[in-house]
C-alpha cells in the first residue's frame, strides 16, 4: 500500500503528484500526527516534570562552603615585642 494514495494494491494508475513543498517533505502529515498525539506528549512531559520535582524535593540537602586563607609569608613577626612585654 502506498502511503500517499489510498489504493491498497500499490499499483500506479492515477496517483497525483504532491501539490507543494510541504506535502513533498511530509510536513503536513507530520503536523497532523503531532496534533493527534498532542495529549500523549503533554502527559509525558507533565509526568517527567512531576517526577523530577518529587525527586528533588525528597533528596537530602547537601550544604557546601568554601574558605580562603591568605598567608603572607614575608611578615617575620606576628606582634610587636614591646606590646607583649609591657
PDB file of N, CA and C in Angstrom:
ATOM      1  N   UNK A   1       0.834  -1.173   0.000  1.00  0.00           N
ATOM      2  CA  UNK A   1       0.000   0.000   0.000  1.00  0.00           C
ATOM      3  C   UNK A   1       0.884   1.244   0.000  1.00  0.00           C
ATOM      4  N   UNK A   2       0.617   2.107  -0.879  1.00  0.00           N
ATOM      5  CA  UNK A   2       1.357   3.351  -0.970  1.00  0.00           C
ATOM      6  C   UNK A   2       0.831   4.317   0.086  1.00  0.00           C
ATOM      7  N   UNK A   3       1.717   4.975   0.806  1.00  0.00           N
ATOM      8  CA  UNK A   3       1.319   5.879   1.884  1.00  0.00           C
ATOM      9  C   UNK A   3       0.580   7.091   1.324  1.00  0.00           C
ATOM     10  N   UNK A   4       1.003   7.552   0.152  1.00  0.00           N
ATOM     11  CA  UNK A   4       0.428   8.763  -0.410  1.00  0.00           C
ATOM     12  C   UNK A   4      -0.952   8.536  -1.029  1.00  0.00           C
ATOM     13  N   UNK A   5      -1.264   7.295  -1.378  1.00  0.00           N
ATOM     14  CA  UNK A   5      -2.561   7.035  -2.002  1.00  0.00           C
ATOM     15  C   UNK A   5      -3.362   6.078  -1.143  1.00  0.00           C
ATOM     16  N   UNK A   6      -4.625   5.993  -1.397  1.00  0.00           N
ATOM     17  CA  UNK A   6      -5.490   5.088  -0.655  1.00  0.00           C
ATOM     18  C   UNK A   6      -5.675   3.771  -1.402  1.00  0.00           C
ATOM     19  N   UNK A   7      -4.932   3.571  -2.471  1.00  0.00           N
ATOM     20  CA  UNK A   7      -5.027   2.364  -3.277  1.00  0.00           C
ATOM     21  C   UNK A   7      -4.251   1.248  -2.593  1.00  0.00           C
ATOM     22  N   UNK A   8      -4.927   0.201  -2.047  1.00  0.00           N
ATOM     23  CA  UNK A   8      -4.210  -0.853  -1.324  1.00  0.00           C
ATOM     24  C   UNK A   8      -3.347  -1.717  -2.227  1.00  0.00           C
ATOM     25  N   UNK A   9      -3.557  -1.688  -3.518  1.00  0.00           N
ATOM     26  CA  UNK A   9      -2.773  -2.538  -4.407  1.00  0.00           C
ATOM     27  C   UNK A   9      -1.373  -1.993  -4.620  1.00  0.00           C
ATOM     28  N   UNK A  10      -1.183  -0.700  -4.417  1.00  0.00           N
ATOM     29  CA  UNK A  10       0.127  -0.108  -4.605  1.00  0.00           C
ATOM     30  C   UNK A  10       0.447   0.121  -6.064  1.00  0.00           C
ATOM     31  N   UNK A  11      -0.469  -0.239  -6.964  1.00  0.00           N
ATOM     32  CA  UNK A  11      -0.235  -0.054  -8.386  1.00  0.00           C
ATOM     33  C   UNK A  11      -0.371   1.412  -8.734  1.00  0.00           C
ATOM     34  N   UNK A  12       0.317   1.820  -9.772  1.00  0.00           N
ATOM     35  CA  UNK A  12       0.304   3.214 -10.203  1.00  0.00           C
ATOM     36  C   UNK A  12      -1.092   3.690 -10.524  1.00  0.00           C
ATOM     37  N   UNK A  13      -1.352   4.043 -11.717  1.00  0.00           N
ATOM     38  CA  UNK A  13      -2.686   4.469 -12.067  1.00  0.00           C
ATOM     39  C   UNK A  13      -2.776   5.976 -12.044  1.00  0.00           C
ATOM     40  N   UNK A  14      -3.742   6.491 -11.341  1.00  0.00           N
ATOM     41  CA  UNK A  14      -3.993   7.930 -11.370  1.00  0.00           C
ATOM     42  C   UNK A  14      -3.537   8.607 -10.084  1.00  0.00           C
ATOM     43  N   UNK A  15      -2.313   8.315  -9.669  1.00  0.00           N
ATOM     44  CA  UNK A  15      -1.786   8.978  -8.477  1.00  0.00           C
ATOM     45  C   UNK A  15      -1.382  10.395  -8.848  1.00  0.00           C
ATOM     46  N   UNK A  16      -1.749  11.354  -7.984  1.00  0.00           N
ATOM     47  CA  UNK A  16      -1.377  12.741  -8.251  1.00  0.00           C
ATOM     48  C   UNK A  16      -0.062  13.045  -7.557  1.00  0.00           C
ATOM     49  N   UNK A  17       0.695  13.928  -8.123  1.00  0.00           N
ATOM     50  CA  UNK A  17       1.964  14.351  -7.555  1.00  0.00           C
ATOM     51  C   UNK A  17       1.692  15.256  -6.357  1.00  0.00           C
ATOM     52  N   UNK A  18       2.640  15.356  -5.409  1.00  0.00           N
ATOM     53  CA  UNK A  18       2.458  16.275  -4.285  1.00  0.00           C
ATOM     54  C   UNK A  18       2.229  17.694  -4.785  1.00  0.00           C
ATOM     55  N   UNK A  19       1.367  18.402  -4.096  1.00  0.00           N
ATOM     56  CA  UNK A  19       0.969  19.728  -4.541  1.00  0.00           C
ATOM     57  C   UNK A  19       2.005  20.797  -4.225  1.00  0.00           C
ATOM     58  N   UNK A  20       2.711  20.656  -3.144  1.00  0.00           N
ATOM     59  CA  UNK A  20       3.677  21.691  -2.780  1.00  0.00           C
ATOM     60  C   UNK A  20       4.827  21.112  -1.983  1.00  0.00           C
ATOM     61  N   UNK A  21       5.688  21.993  -1.536  1.00  0.00           N
ATOM     62  CA  UNK A  21       6.873  21.570  -0.800  1.00  0.00           C
ATOM     63  C   UNK A  21       6.502  20.917   0.530  1.00  0.00           C
ATOM     64  N   UNK A  22       5.460  21.424   1.202  1.00  0.00           N
ATOM     65  CA  UNK A  22       5.047  20.862   2.490  1.00  0.00           C
ATOM     66  C   UNK A  22       4.622  19.409   2.331  1.00  0.00           C
ATOM     67  N   UNK A  23       3.867  19.104   1.285  1.00  0.00           N
ATOM     68  CA  UNK A  23       3.447  17.721   1.084  1.00  0.00           C
ATOM     69  C   UNK A  23       4.596  16.858   0.592  1.00  0.00           C
ATOM     70  N   UNK A  24       5.505  17.437  -0.179  1.00  0.00           N
ATOM     71  CA  UNK A  24       6.636  16.666  -0.682  1.00  0.00           C
ATOM     72  C   UNK A  24       7.543  16.241   0.472  1.00  0.00           C
ATOM     73  N   UNK A  25       7.734  17.107   1.437  1.00  0.00           N
ATOM     74  CA  UNK A  25       8.582  16.784   2.585  1.00  0.00           C
ATOM     75  C   UNK A  25       7.826  16.049   3.675  1.00  0.00           C
ATOM     76  N   UNK A  26       6.517  15.953   3.584  1.00  0.00           N
ATOM     77  CA  UNK A  26       5.730  15.259   4.584  1.00  0.00           C
ATOM     78  C   UNK A  26       5.403  16.111   5.784  1.00  0.00           C
ATOM     79  N   UNK A  27       5.536  17.418   5.659  1.00  0.00           N
ATOM     80  CA  UNK A  27       5.296  18.309   6.787  1.00  0.00           C
ATOM     81  C   UNK A  27       3.825  18.280   7.194  1.00  0.00           C
ATOM     82  N   UNK A  28       2.948  18.233   6.209  1.00  0.00           N
ATOM     83  CA  UNK A  28       1.517  18.216   6.517  1.00  0.00           C
ATOM     84  C   UNK A  28       1.147  16.968   7.308  1.00  0.00           C
ATOM     85  N   UNK A  29       1.650  15.821   6.878  1.00  0.00           N
ATOM     86  CA  UNK A  29       1.369  14.570   7.590  1.00  0.00           C
ATOM     87  C   UNK A  29       1.999  14.586   8.980  1.00  0.00           C
ATOM     88  N   UNK A  30       3.186  15.167   9.092  1.00  0.00           N
ATOM     89  CA  UNK A  30       3.855  15.245  10.389  1.00  0.00           C
ATOM     90  C   UNK A  30       3.068  16.114  11.355  1.00  0.00           C
ATOM     91  N   UNK A  31       2.598  17.262  10.888  1.00  0.00           N
ATOM     92  CA  UNK A  31       1.811  18.136  11.753  1.00  0.00           C
ATOM     93  C   UNK A  31       0.489  17.488  12.159  1.00  0.00           C
ATOM     94  N   UNK A  32      -0.123  16.752  11.257  1.00  0.00           N
ATOM     95  CA  UNK A  32      -1.367  16.055  11.594  1.00  0.00           C
ATOM     96  C   UNK A  32      -1.107  14.994  12.663  1.00  0.00           C
ATOM     97  N   UNK A  33      -0.002  14.274  12.549  1.00  0.00           N
ATOM     98  CA  UNK A  33       0.348  13.254  13.541  1.00  0.00           C
ATOM     99  C   UNK A  33       0.631  13.898  14.900  1.00  0.00           C
ATOM    100  N   UNK A  34       1.338  15.031  14.895  1.00  0.00           N
ATOM    101  CA  UNK A  34       1.627  15.721  16.154  1.00  0.00           C
ATOM    102  C   UNK A  34       0.342  16.228  16.812  1.00  0.00           C
ATOM    103  N   UNK A  35      -0.608  16.701  16.007  1.00  0.00           N
ATOM    104  CA  UNK A  35      -1.882  17.138  16.572  1.00  0.00           C
ATOM    105  C   UNK A  35      -2.635  15.964  17.180  1.00  0.00           C
ATOM    106  N   UNK A  36      -2.586  14.796  16.541  1.00  0.00           N
ATOM    107  CA  UNK A  36      -3.278  13.628  17.084  1.00  0.00           C
ATOM    108  C   UNK A  36      -2.636  13.136  18.373  1.00  0.00           C
ATOM    109  N   UNK A  37      -1.331  13.260  18.484  1.00  0.00           N
ATOM    110  CA  UNK A  37      -0.598  12.735  19.633  1.00  0.00           C
ATOM    111  C   UNK A  37      -0.296  13.811  20.691  1.00  0.00           C
ATOM    112  N   UNK A  38      -0.902  14.983  20.557  1.00  0.00           N
ATOM    113  CA  UNK A  38      -0.583  16.098  21.439  1.00  0.00           C
ATOM    114  C   UNK A  38      -0.814  15.746  22.904  1.00  0.00           C
ATOM    115  N   UNK A  39      -1.922  15.121  23.245  1.00  0.00           N
ATOM    116  CA  UNK A  39      -2.229  14.822  24.646  1.00  0.00           C
ATOM    117  C   UNK A  39      -1.259  13.814  25.228  1.00  0.00           C
ATOM    118  N   UNK A  40      -0.787  12.886  24.427  1.00  0.00           N
ATOM    119  CA  UNK A  40       0.208  11.921  24.918  1.00  0.00           C
ATOM    120  C   UNK A  40       1.514  12.650  25.234  1.00  0.00           C
ATOM    121  N   UNK A  41       1.934  13.563  24.342  1.00  0.00           N
ATOM    122  CA  UNK A  41       3.178  14.300  24.571  1.00  0.00           C
ATOM    123  C   UNK A  41       3.058  15.209  25.792  1.00  0.00           C
ATOM    124  N   UNK A  42       1.916  15.849  25.971  1.00  0.00           N
ATOM    125  CA  UNK A  42       1.702  16.707  27.136  1.00  0.00           C
ATOM    126  C   UNK A  42       1.717  15.867  28.412  1.00  0.00           C
ATOM    127  N   UNK A  43       1.060  14.726  28.391  1.00  0.00           N
ATOM    128  CA  UNK A  43       1.025  13.852  29.559  1.00  0.00           C
ATOM    129  C   UNK A  43       2.417  13.362  29.936  1.00  0.00           C
ATOM    130  N   UNK A  44       3.204  12.963  28.961  1.00  0.00           N
ATOM    131  CA  UNK A  44       4.568  12.503  29.231  1.00  0.00           C
ATOM    132  C   UNK A  44       5.401  13.645  29.812  1.00  0.00           C
ATOM    133  N   UNK A  45       5.269  14.836  29.266  1.00  0.00           N
ATOM    134  CA  UNK A  45       6.014  15.987  29.788  1.00  0.00           C
ATOM    135  C   UNK A  45       5.636  16.309  31.218  1.00  0.00           C
ATOM    136  N   UNK A  46       4.340  16.274  31.522  1.00  0.00           N
ATOM    137  CA  UNK A  46       3.883  16.561  32.886  1.00  0.00           C
ATOM    138  C   UNK A  46       4.375  15.485  33.844  1.00  0.00           C
ATOM    139  N   UNK A  47       4.335  14.226  33.430  1.00  0.00           N
ATOM    140  CA  UNK A  47       4.809  13.145  34.294  1.00  0.00           C
ATOM    141  C   UNK A  47       6.303  13.274  34.574  1.00  0.00           C
ATOM    142  N   UNK A  48       7.078  13.622  33.571  1.00  0.00           N
ATOM    143  CA  UNK A  48       8.521  13.785  33.774  1.00  0.00           C
ATOM    144  C   UNK A  48       8.802  14.963  34.689  1.00  0.00           C
ATOM    145  N   UNK A  49       8.106  16.081  34.488  1.00  0.00           N
ATOM    146  CA  UNK A  49       8.312  17.249  35.343  1.00  0.00           C
ATOM    147  C   UNK A  49       7.903  16.948  36.783  1.00  0.00           C
ATOM    148  N   UNK A  50       6.785  16.238  36.976  1.00  0.00           N
ATOM    149  CA  UNK A  50       6.337  15.891  38.319  1.00  0.00           C
ATOM    150  C   UNK A  50       7.324  14.945  38.991  1.00  0.00           C
ATOM    151  N   UNK A  51       7.819  13.974  38.256  1.00  0.00           N
ATOM    152  CA  UNK A  51       8.801  13.052  38.811  1.00  0.00           C
ATOM    153  C   UNK A  51      10.098  13.748  39.197  1.00  0.00           C
ATOM    154  N   UNK A  52      10.566  14.666  38.362  1.00  0.00           N
ATOM    155  CA  UNK A  52      11.793  15.409  38.673  1.00  0.00           C
ATOM    156  C   UNK A  52      11.587  16.288  39.902  1.00  0.00           C
ATOM    157  N   UNK A  53      10.420  16.935  39.999  1.00  0.00           N
ATOM    158  CA  UNK A  53      10.134  17.777  41.164  1.00  0.00           C
ATOM    159  C   UNK A  53      10.083  16.933  42.441  1.00  0.00           C
ATOM    160  N   UNK A  54       9.421  15.776  42.380  1.00  0.00           N
ATOM    161  CA  UNK A  54       9.331  14.912  43.557  1.00  0.00           C
ATOM    162  C   UNK A  54      10.707  14.400  43.965  1.00  0.00           C
ATOM    163  N   UNK A  55      11.525  14.034  42.991  1.00  0.00           N
ATOM    164  CA  UNK A  55      12.873  13.552  43.286  1.00  0.00           C
ATOM    165  C   UNK A  55      13.700  14.639  43.970  1.00  0.00           C
ATOM    166  N   UNK A  56      13.627  15.856  43.446  1.00  0.00           N
ATOM    167  CA  UNK A  56      14.422  16.934  44.023  1.00  0.00           C
ATOM    168  C   UNK A  56      13.928  17.344  45.406  1.00  0.00           C
ATOM    169  N   UNK A  57      12.645  17.192  45.672  1.00  0.00           N
ATOM    170  CA  UNK A  57      12.111  17.553  46.983  1.00  0.00           C
ATOM    171  C   UNK A  57      12.446  16.515  48.052  1.00  0.00           C
ATOM    172  N   UNK A  58      12.640  15.252  47.670  1.00  0.00           N
ATOM    173  CA  UNK A  58      12.910  14.200  48.647  1.00  0.00           C
ATOM    174  C   UNK A  58      14.398  13.959  48.864  1.00  0.00           C
ATOM    175  N   UNK A  59      15.263  14.593  48.095  1.00  0.00           N
ATOM    176  CA  UNK A  59      16.705  14.423  48.293  1.00  0.00           C
ATOM    177  C   UNK A  59      17.154  15.073  49.580  1.00  0.00           C
ATOM    178  N   UNK A  60      18.165  14.487  50.204  1.00  0.00           N
ATOM    179  CA  UNK A  60      18.773  15.083  51.383  1.00  0.00           C
ATOM    180  C   UNK A  60      19.593  16.295  50.951  1.00  0.00           C
ATOM    181  N   UNK A  61      19.423  17.376  51.668  1.00  0.00           N
ATOM    182  CA  UNK A  61      20.129  18.609  51.314  1.00  0.00           C
ATOM    183  C   UNK A  61      21.625  18.433  51.549  1.00  0.00           C
ATOM    184  N   UNK A  62      22.426  18.926  50.646  1.00  0.00           N
ATOM    185  CA  UNK A  62      23.882  18.896  50.755  1.00  0.00           C
ATOM    186  C   UNK A  62      24.344  20.342  50.812  1.00  0.00           C
ATOM    187  N   UNK A  63      24.982  20.694  51.898  1.00  0.00           N
ATOM    188  CA  UNK A  63      25.460  22.060  52.082  1.00  0.00           C
ATOM    189  C   UNK A  63      26.958  22.086  51.852  1.00  0.00           C
ATOM    190  N   UNK A  64      27.415  23.062  51.131  1.00  0.00           N
ATOM    191  CA  UNK A  64      28.837  23.206  50.838  1.00  0.00           C
ATOM    192  C   UNK A  64      29.273  24.619  51.175  1.00  0.00           C
ATOM    193  N   UNK A  65      30.532  24.734  51.537  1.00  0.00           N
ATOM    194  CA  UNK A  65      31.091  26.063  51.761  1.00  0.00           C
ATOM    195  C   UNK A  65      32.549  26.039  51.342  1.00  0.00           C
ATOM    196  N   UNK A  66      33.064  27.207  51.099  1.00  0.00           N
ATOM    197  CA  UNK A  66      34.478  27.340  50.760  1.00  0.00           C
ATOM    198  C   UNK A  66      35.060  28.439  51.629  1.00  0.00           C
ATOM    199  N   UNK A  67      36.333  28.335  51.884  1.00  0.00           N
ATOM    200  CA  UNK A  67      37.037  29.348  52.667  1.00  0.00           C
ATOM    201  C   UNK A  67      38.381  29.612  52.009  1.00  0.00           C
ATOM    202  N   UNK A  68      38.802  30.848  52.104  1.00  0.00           N
ATOM    203  CA  UNK A  68      40.084  31.247  51.546  1.00  0.00           C
ATOM    204  C   UNK A  68      40.946  31.772  52.688  1.00  0.00           C
ATOM    205  N   UNK A  69      42.081  31.116  52.926  1.00  0.00           N
ATOM    206  CA  UNK A  69      43.010  31.535  53.971  1.00  0.00           C
ATOM    207  C   UNK A  69      44.196  32.177  53.283  1.00  0.00           C
ATOM    208  N   UNK A  70      44.408  33.435  53.587  1.00  0.00           N
ATOM    209  CA  UNK A  70      45.531  34.151  52.961  1.00  0.00           C
ATOM    210  C   UNK A  70      46.667  34.275  53.970  1.00  0.00           C
ATOM    211  N   UNK A  71      47.840  33.827  53.597  1.00  0.00           N
ATOM    212  CA  UNK A  71      49.022  33.861  54.455  1.00  0.00           C
ATOM    213  C   UNK A  71      50.067  34.710  53.757  1.00  0.00           C
ATOM    214  N   UNK A  72      50.614  35.651  54.503  1.00  0.00           N
ATOM    215  CA  UNK A  72      51.668  36.498  53.967  1.00  0.00           C
ATOM    216  C   UNK A  72      52.987  35.974  54.525  1.00  0.00           C
ATOM    217  N   UNK A  73      53.754  35.224  53.782  1.00  0.00           N
ATOM    218  CA  UNK A  73      54.983  34.610  54.315  1.00  0.00           C
ATOM    219  C   UNK A  73      56.114  35.615  54.535  1.00  0.00           C
ATOM    220  N   UNK A  74      56.021  36.838  54.047  1.00  0.00           N
ATOM    221  CA  UNK A  74      57.098  37.813  54.202  1.00  0.00           C
ATOM    222  C   UNK A  74      57.073  38.516  55.557  1.00  0.00           C
ATOM    223  N   UNK A  75      56.006  38.383  56.303  1.00  0.00           N
ATOM    224  CA  UNK A  75      55.920  39.047  57.606  1.00  0.00           C
ATOM    225  C   UNK A  75      56.665  38.186  58.631  1.00  0.00           C
ATOM    226  N   UNK A  76      57.690  38.766  59.297  1.00  0.00           N
ATOM    227  CA  UNK A  76      58.541  37.977  60.201  1.00  0.00           C
ATOM    228  C   UNK A  76      57.993  37.916  61.611  1.00  0.00           C
ATOM    229  N   UNK A  77      57.307  38.941  62.077  1.00  0.00           N
ATOM    230  CA  UNK A  77      56.774  38.927  63.437  1.00  0.00           C
ATOM    231  C   UNK A  77      55.262  39.066  63.397  1.00  0.00           C
ATOM    232  N   UNK A  78      54.623  38.428  64.376  1.00  0.00           N
ATOM    233  CA  UNK A  78      53.175  38.489  64.451  1.00  0.00           C
ATOM    234  C   UNK A  78      52.753  39.752  65.184  1.00  0.00           C
ATOM    235  N   UNK A  79      53.433  40.059  66.282  1.00  0.00           N
ATOM    236  CA  UNK A  79      53.124  41.274  67.049  1.00  0.00           C
ATOM    237  C   UNK A  79      54.414  42.016  67.363  1.00  0.00           C
ATOM    238  N   UNK A  80      54.247  43.206  67.821  1.00  0.00           N
ATOM    239  CA  UNK A  80      55.391  43.993  68.238  1.00  0.00           C
ATOM    240  C   UNK A  80      55.851  43.503  69.622  1.00  0.00           C
ATOM    241  N   UNK A  81      57.147  43.258  69.802  1.00  0.00           N
ATOM    242  CA  UNK A  81      57.678  42.747  71.060  1.00  0.00           C
ATOM    243  C   UNK A  81      57.395  43.693  72.227  1.00  0.00           C
ATOM    244  N   UNK A  82      57.444  44.957  72.003  1.00  0.00           N
ATOM    245  CA  UNK A  82      57.205  45.940  73.071  1.00  0.00           C
ATOM    246  C   UNK A  82      55.761  45.886  73.549  1.00  0.00           C
ATOM    247  N   UNK A  83      54.818  45.570  72.696  1.00  0.00           N
ATOM    248  CA  UNK A  83      53.420  45.464  73.104  1.00  0.00           C
ATOM    249  C   UNK A  83      53.197  44.255  73.992  1.00  0.00           C
ATOM    250  N   UNK A  84      53.949  43.188  73.798  1.00  0.00           N
ATOM    251  CA  UNK A  84      53.776  41.965  74.570  1.00  0.00           C
ATOM    252  C   UNK A  84      54.427  42.118  75.954  1.00  0.00           C
ATOM    253  N   UNK A  85      55.605  42.676  75.997  1.00  0.00           N
ATOM    254  CA  UNK A  85      56.346  42.781  77.244  1.00  0.00           C
ATOM    255  C   UNK A  85      55.732  43.831  78.160  1.00  0.00           C
ATOM    256  N   UNK A  86      55.296  44.877  77.632  1.00  0.00           N
ATOM    257  CA  UNK A  86      54.656  45.779  78.551  1.00  0.00           C
ATOM    258  C   UNK A  86      54.947  47.162  78.382  1.00  0.00           C
TER     259      UNK A  86
END
